[in-house]
Amino acid sequence: MSFFAVLFALLIEQLKPLPRGNVVHDSLTGWMRWTGRNFDAGRDHHAWVVWGITALVPALIAWGVHAGLAHLNVLLALAWNVAVLYLTLGFRQFSHYFTDIRDALDRGDEIEARRLLSEWRHLDASELPRTELLRHVIEHSLLAAHRHVFGVFFWFVLLSSFGFGPAGAVLYRMAEFASRYWGFKSRTIDAPVNDRLLNLSQRLFNLLDFVPARMTAFGFAVVGNFEEAVTCWRRDAGLWKHPNEGIILAAAAGAVGVQLGGSAAPGVTPDRSKTFEAGAEADAMNAEGSTPGLTPVPGHLRSIVGLVWRSVVLWMLLLALLSLANLVG
């Protein structure tokens, strides 16, 4: 049933994607704000309380509804899984920015491309040169694809195998959203945040993302240039500040043969790339601390799209084979 739930959710999302500024995103933002305002008083244990209510409660509700519907009818449980996956899994939740940026670059409108990147990632991209603009679009797109598709896919399949229905998909997305929300709020002027809550949400999400990140990187290696992807994974993942992100981006860079990494421009994704010294331990091949490969060009955007879709097909085929083996067995 997991295979059909994912398949139907992806098909529906392609036909009828959630619009920008949709009610689901607004509701999640309001939920985060409400839990922080009502349960966070700055103590260590309050961070655990807020995170538990923020991430675990929705996951338990999703599992409870699934269990109740499964008791009534299997098709109702399947419909519930599809509905939850439609809200938590899919490319169209972020791909409109990617498409609009690519179209702007094809028109030669770099100003509009920078504006869209700034709007998407909430950073200052006004002075980014074209090459750096492309690099940031590629990196953010790869990470978004992982967090909106592959990470959700992994946790949904894993927990649904144990009878928890879509709880895994909800848990992963809520943990990711909490980490992103509290990180964004901590950088917002006049919006102080409990540092313990910020650190806890990021630490727990990194823990949840440990295995999915490596599965995503492995998928990129299989459907791309395997040897180069594995080499970059082992050698260059340390160029990035966050290990899970570094593994994904290094593997993708090797799979496609594009140069990623390096130092971020002032004010641009300071949490994405480490300093030169941080990457020196991984490899001293160049002063910029980047992966080897070609300088990013617009054609690499299409290569990244192909890499991601081939990886989706790979994991769907594996899931289909596992489902078939389960039925036969």
Protein backbone atom coordinates (compact mmCIF):
# COMPACT_ATOMS: atom_id res chain seq x y z
CA MET A 1 0.00 0.00 0.00
CA SER A 2 2.94 2.35 0.59
CA PHE A 3 3.88 2.25 -3.09
CA PHE A 4 0.39 3.26 -4.26
CA ALA A 5 0.13 5.96 -1.60
CA VAL A 6 3.37 7.60 -2.74
CA LEU A 7 2.53 7.15 -6.42
CA PHE A 8 -0.94 8.67 -6.12
CA ALA A 9 0.34 11.54 -3.97
CA LEU A 10 3.04 12.42 -6.51
CA LEU A 11 0.58 12.24 -9.41
CA ILE A 12 -2.02 14.40 -7.68
CA GLU A 13 0.63 16.91 -6.66
CA GLN A 14 1.81 17.24 -10.25
CA LEU A 15 -1.75 17.79 -11.47
CA LYS A 16 -2.95 20.03 -8.62
CA PRO A 17 -0.04 21.47 -6.64
CA LEU A 18 -0.51 23.52 -3.51
CA PRO A 19 -0.42 27.24 -4.38
CA ARG A 20 2.09 29.67 -2.93
CA GLY A 21 1.15 30.97 0.48
CA ASN A 22 -1.27 28.08 0.96
CA VAL A 23 -3.36 27.56 4.06
CA VAL A 24 -1.27 24.54 5.12
CA HIS A 25 1.94 26.57 5.35
CA ASP A 26 0.13 29.40 7.14
CA SER A 27 -1.39 26.92 9.60
CA LEU A 28 2.00 25.36 10.33
CA THR A 29 3.49 28.79 10.96
CA GLY A 30 0.62 29.61 13.30
CA TRP A 31 1.06 26.26 15.07
CA MET A 32 4.76 26.93 15.64
CA ARG A 33 4.03 30.41 16.91
CA TRP A 34 1.30 29.17 19.25
CA THR A 35 3.35 26.38 20.79
CA GLY A 36 6.33 28.67 21.33
CA ARG A 37 4.20 31.39 22.88
CA ASN A 38 2.28 29.09 25.23
CA PHE A 39 4.79 26.42 26.25
CA ASP A 40 8.23 28.03 26.07
CA ALA A 41 9.37 29.86 29.20
CA GLY A 42 13.08 29.60 28.50
CA ARG A 43 13.93 26.52 30.59
CA ASP A 44 15.74 23.46 29.28
CA HIS A 45 12.76 21.14 29.65
CA HIS A 46 10.47 23.65 27.96
CA ALA A 47 12.41 23.14 24.73
CA TRP A 48 11.56 19.44 24.86
CA VAL A 49 7.91 20.21 25.62
CA VAL A 50 7.60 22.64 22.69
CA TRP A 51 9.32 20.29 20.25
CA GLY A 52 7.23 17.34 21.41
CA ILE A 53 3.98 19.24 20.96
CA THR A 54 5.16 20.72 17.67
CA ALA A 55 6.38 17.53 15.99
CA LEU A 56 5.22 14.45 17.89
CA VAL A 57 1.59 15.42 18.49
CA PRO A 58 0.74 15.89 14.77
CA ALA A 59 2.52 12.61 13.96
CA LEU A 60 0.53 10.76 16.64
CA ILE A 61 -2.71 12.28 15.35
CA ALA A 62 -1.86 11.16 11.80
CA TRP A 63 -1.18 7.64 13.08
CA GLY A 64 -4.37 7.60 15.17
CA VAL A 65 -6.57 8.60 12.24
CA HIS A 66 -4.84 6.01 10.05
CA ALA A 67 -5.39 3.27 12.62
CA GLY A 68 -9.06 4.16 12.97
CA LEU A 69 -9.66 4.23 9.22
CA ALA A 70 -7.72 1.00 8.68
CA HIS A 71 -10.03 -0.68 11.18
CA LEU A 72 -13.01 0.41 9.07
CA ASN A 73 -11.69 0.00 5.53
CA VAL A 74 -8.29 -0.43 3.92
CA LEU A 75 -9.18 1.95 1.09
CA LEU A 76 -10.05 4.69 3.58
CA ALA A 77 -6.63 4.24 5.19
CA LEU A 78 -5.01 4.44 1.75
CA ALA A 79 -6.91 7.65 0.98
CA TRP A 80 -5.74 9.12 4.28
CA ASN A 81 -2.12 8.22 3.48
CA VAL A 82 -2.42 9.84 0.07
CA ALA A 83 -3.93 12.99 1.59
CA VAL A 84 -1.16 13.30 4.18
CA LEU A 85 1.57 12.64 1.62
CA TYR A 86 0.03 15.22 -0.71
CA LEU A 87 0.60 17.80 2.03
CA THR A 88 4.05 16.62 3.09
CA LEU A 89 5.74 15.17 0.01
CA GLY A 90 6.28 16.64 -3.43
CA PHE A 91 8.33 18.81 -5.75
CA ARG A 92 5.73 21.43 -6.44
CA GLN A 93 5.99 22.83 -2.91
CA PHE A 94 9.26 24.50 -3.91
CA SER A 95 9.79 23.89 -7.63
CA HIS A 96 7.94 27.04 -8.72
CA TYR A 97 10.84 29.10 -7.41
CA PHE A 98 13.33 26.89 -9.21
CA THR A 99 11.36 27.11 -12.45
CA ASP A 100 10.91 30.88 -12.22
CA ILE A 101 14.61 31.42 -11.50
CA ARG A 102 15.60 29.19 -14.41
CA ASP A 103 13.21 31.04 -16.73
CA ALA A 104 14.59 34.39 -15.59
CA LEU A 105 18.14 33.25 -16.28
CA ASP A 106 17.11 31.95 -19.71
CA ARG A 107 15.76 35.44 -20.46
CA GLY A 108 18.98 36.99 -19.19
CA ASP A 109 17.13 38.71 -16.33
CA GLU A 110 19.61 38.14 -13.52
CA ILE A 111 18.03 40.84 -11.36
CA GLU A 112 14.74 38.96 -11.27
CA ALA A 113 16.58 35.69 -10.62
CA ARG A 114 18.35 37.24 -7.63
CA ARG A 115 15.08 38.67 -6.34
CA LEU A 116 13.40 35.27 -6.55
CA LEU A 117 16.29 33.56 -4.78
CA SER A 118 16.13 36.18 -2.02
CA GLU A 119 12.39 35.69 -1.67
CA TRP A 120 12.73 31.91 -1.61
CA ARG A 121 15.60 31.55 0.84
CA HIS A 122 15.29 34.84 2.77
CA LEU A 123 18.84 35.99 2.02
CA ASP A 124 20.57 38.88 0.34
CA ALA A 125 21.47 37.82 -3.19
CA SER A 126 21.55 41.28 -4.74
CA GLU A 127 25.29 41.25 -5.42
CA LEU A 128 25.79 37.60 -6.32
CA PRO A 129 27.68 37.08 -9.59
CA ARG A 130 26.02 34.79 -12.11
CA THR A 131 28.13 31.75 -11.27
CA GLU A 132 27.48 32.05 -7.54
CA LEU A 133 23.80 32.62 -8.21
CA LEU A 134 23.63 29.36 -10.14
CA ARG A 135 25.58 27.54 -7.47
CA HIS A 136 23.21 28.67 -4.73
CA VAL A 137 20.14 27.78 -6.79
CA ILE A 138 21.54 24.29 -7.40
CA GLU A 139 22.48 23.73 -3.76
CA HIS A 140 19.18 24.98 -2.35
CA SER A 141 17.21 23.01 -4.94
CA LEU A 142 19.02 19.78 -4.09
CA LEU A 143 18.43 20.26 -0.38
CA ALA A 144 14.78 21.17 -0.96
CA ALA A 145 14.29 18.07 -3.11
CA HIS A 146 15.77 15.94 -0.35
CA ARG A 147 13.66 17.46 2.41
CA HIS A 148 10.40 17.60 0.48
CA VAL A 149 10.68 14.25 -1.26
CA PHE A 150 13.40 11.79 -0.27
CA GLY A 151 13.43 12.41 3.47
CA VAL A 152 9.64 12.22 3.69
CA PHE A 153 9.68 9.13 1.45
CA PHE A 154 12.14 7.33 3.72
CA TRP A 155 10.31 7.96 7.00
CA PHE A 156 6.90 7.25 5.52
CA VAL A 157 7.99 3.88 4.12
CA LEU A 158 9.90 2.95 7.28
CA LEU A 159 7.15 3.66 9.81
CA SER A 160 4.31 2.50 7.58
CA SER A 161 6.06 -0.87 7.44
CA PHE A 162 5.47 -1.11 11.20
CA GLY A 163 1.83 -0.06 11.00
CA PHE A 164 2.23 3.63 11.83
CA GLY A 165 0.78 4.84 8.54
CA PRO A 166 1.81 8.37 7.57
CA ALA A 167 3.21 9.24 11.01
CA GLY A 168 6.78 9.11 9.71
CA ALA A 169 6.07 11.59 6.92
CA VAL A 170 4.43 14.01 9.36
CA LEU A 171 7.20 13.63 11.95
CA TYR A 172 9.95 14.34 9.42
CA ARG A 173 8.23 17.36 7.87
CA MET A 174 7.30 18.85 11.24
CA ALA A 175 10.83 18.34 12.56
CA GLU A 176 12.28 19.95 9.43
CA PHE A 177 9.82 22.84 9.58
CA ALA A 178 10.51 23.41 13.29
CA SER A 179 14.26 23.50 12.68
CA ARG A 180 13.82 25.96 9.82
CA TYR A 181 11.24 28.09 11.61
CA TRP A 182 13.17 28.57 14.83
CA GLY A 183 16.36 29.16 12.88
CA PHE A 184 14.67 31.86 10.80
CA LYS A 185 13.07 33.46 13.84
CA SER A 186 16.41 33.59 15.65
CA ARG A 187 17.77 35.73 12.80
CA THR A 188 14.76 38.06 12.79
CA ILE A 189 15.18 41.40 14.49
CA ASP A 190 13.12 41.86 17.66
CA ALA A 191 12.13 38.20 17.65
CA PRO A 192 14.25 36.52 20.35
CA VAL A 193 14.09 32.76 20.58
CA ASN A 194 15.03 30.24 23.24
CA ASP A 195 18.51 29.11 22.20
CA ARG A 196 17.87 25.72 23.78
CA LEU A 197 14.78 25.28 21.61
CA LEU A 198 16.69 26.31 18.49
CA ASN A 199 19.60 23.96 19.21
CA LEU A 200 17.30 21.09 20.18
CA SER A 201 15.14 21.38 17.06
CA GLN A 202 18.19 21.45 14.81
CA ARG A 203 19.88 18.59 16.64
CA LEU A 204 16.80 16.36 16.51
CA PHE A 205 16.18 17.10 12.86
CA ASN A 206 19.81 16.29 12.02
CA LEU A 207 19.34 13.00 13.86
CA LEU A 208 16.17 12.19 11.92
CA ASP A 209 17.90 13.19 8.70
CA PHE A 210 21.04 11.12 9.27
CA VAL A 211 19.97 8.01 7.35
CA PRO A 212 17.75 9.73 4.73
CA ALA A 213 20.59 12.08 3.74
CA ARG A 214 22.87 9.14 3.05
CA MET A 215 20.15 7.30 1.15
CA THR A 216 19.60 10.37 -1.01
CA ALA A 217 23.31 10.69 -1.69
CA PHE A 218 23.49 6.99 -2.57
CA GLY A 219 20.59 7.39 -4.97
CA PHE A 220 22.33 10.31 -6.69
CA ALA A 221 25.44 8.18 -7.05
CA VAL A 222 23.56 5.24 -8.56
CA VAL A 223 21.72 7.31 -11.19
CA GLY A 224 24.66 9.63 -11.90
CA ASN A 225 28.40 9.21 -12.22
CA PHE A 226 28.83 6.65 -9.46
CA GLU A 227 32.61 6.77 -9.12
CA GLU A 228 32.84 10.56 -9.03
CA ALA A 229 29.84 10.84 -6.71
CA VAL A 230 31.35 8.45 -4.17
CA THR A 231 34.74 10.15 -4.43
CA CYS A 232 33.26 13.58 -3.81
CA TRP A 233 31.11 12.17 -1.01
CA ARG A 234 34.15 10.81 0.82
CA ARG A 235 36.48 13.72 0.08
CA ASP A 236 34.37 16.88 -0.07
CA ALA A 237 31.39 16.46 2.28
CA GLY A 238 33.34 18.29 4.97
CA LEU A 239 33.28 21.49 2.92
CA TRP A 240 29.84 22.25 4.29
CA LYS A 241 28.96 23.18 7.83
CA HIS A 242 26.23 20.57 8.30
CA PRO A 243 27.35 16.98 7.62
CA ASN A 244 24.01 15.77 6.25
CA GLU A 245 23.86 18.61 3.76
CA GLY A 246 27.49 18.16 2.82
CA ILE A 247 26.99 14.51 1.95
CA ILE A 248 24.02 15.26 -0.31
CA LEU A 249 25.64 18.18 -2.09
CA ALA A 250 29.04 16.53 -2.52
CA ALA A 251 27.48 13.37 -3.96
CA ALA A 252 25.28 15.38 -6.33
CA ALA A 253 28.24 17.50 -7.45
CA GLY A 254 30.19 14.38 -8.35
CA ALA A 255 27.20 12.70 -9.98
CA VAL A 256 26.61 15.65 -12.32
CA GLY A 257 30.17 16.97 -12.57
CA VAL A 258 29.43 20.49 -11.35
CA GLN A 259 31.48 22.63 -8.99
CA LEU A 260 29.69 23.28 -5.69
CA GLY A 261 30.78 24.56 -2.30
CA GLY A 262 33.23 27.36 -1.65
CA SER A 263 32.76 30.38 0.54
CA ALA A 264 29.42 32.12 0.63
CA ALA A 265 29.25 35.79 -0.28
CA PRO A 266 28.65 38.16 2.69
CA GLY A 267 25.11 37.74 3.93
CA VAL A 268 24.40 34.80 1.65
CA THR A 269 23.68 31.39 3.19
CA PRO A 270 26.26 31.77 5.99
CA ASP A 271 25.07 28.47 7.46
CA ARG A 272 25.55 26.51 4.25
CA SER A 273 29.28 26.72 3.63
CA LYS A 274 32.16 26.57 6.07
CA THR A 275 35.24 28.74 5.96
CA PHE A 276 38.23 27.85 3.81
CA GLU A 277 39.95 26.25 6.79
CA ALA A 278 37.04 23.89 7.41
CA GLY A 279 37.31 22.37 3.99
CA ALA A 280 41.07 22.21 3.95
CA GLU A 281 41.06 18.99 5.96
CA ALA A 282 38.89 17.31 3.33
CA ASP A 283 40.98 18.39 0.38
CA ALA A 284 43.44 21.13 -0.46
CA MET A 285 42.85 20.97 -4.19
CA ASN A 286 41.99 24.66 -4.55
CA ALA A 287 41.84 27.82 -2.53
CA GLU A 288 38.10 28.12 -2.87
CA GLY A 289 37.27 24.89 -1.07
CA SER A 290 34.93 23.73 -3.85
CA THR A 291 34.28 20.34 -5.33
CA PRO A 292 35.96 19.60 -8.66
CA GLY A 293 33.92 19.86 -11.81
CA LEU A 294 32.67 22.41 -14.29
CA THR A 295 31.72 25.92 -13.27
CA PRO A 296 27.91 26.09 -12.90
CA VAL A 297 26.07 27.10 -16.07
CA PRO A 298 22.30 27.15 -16.81
CA GLY A 299 22.55 23.71 -18.41
CA HIS A 300 23.41 22.24 -15.00
CA LEU A 301 19.95 23.20 -13.75
CA ARG A 302 18.47 20.75 -16.24
CA SER A 303 21.04 18.14 -15.24
CA ILE A 304 20.00 18.51 -11.60
CA VAL A 305 16.33 18.07 -12.51
CA GLY A 306 17.19 14.89 -14.41
CA LEU A 307 19.30 13.59 -11.53
CA VAL A 308 16.50 14.11 -9.02
CA TRP A 309 13.81 12.53 -11.18
CA ARG A 310 15.98 9.51 -11.98
CA SER A 311 16.54 9.06 -8.28
CA VAL A 312 12.80 9.22 -7.64
CA VAL A 313 12.24 6.51 -10.26
CA LEU A 314 14.98 4.40 -8.65
CA TRP A 315 13.43 4.50 -5.17
CA MET A 316 9.93 3.96 -6.52
CA LEU A 317 11.11 0.87 -8.40
CA LEU A 318 12.76 -0.48 -5.26
CA LEU A 319 9.61 0.19 -3.25
CA ALA A 320 7.52 -1.55 -5.91
CA LEU A 321 9.80 -4.59 -5.81
CA LEU A 322 9.64 -4.73 -2.01
CA SER A 323 5.85 -4.44 -2.09
CA LEU A 324 5.63 -7.20 -4.69
CA ALA A 325 7.96 -9.44 -2.69
CA ASN A 326 5.83 -8.82 0.40
CA LEU A 327 2.66 -9.81 -1.47
CA VAL A 328 4.22 -12.93 -2.96
CA GLY A 329 5.77 -13.93 0.33
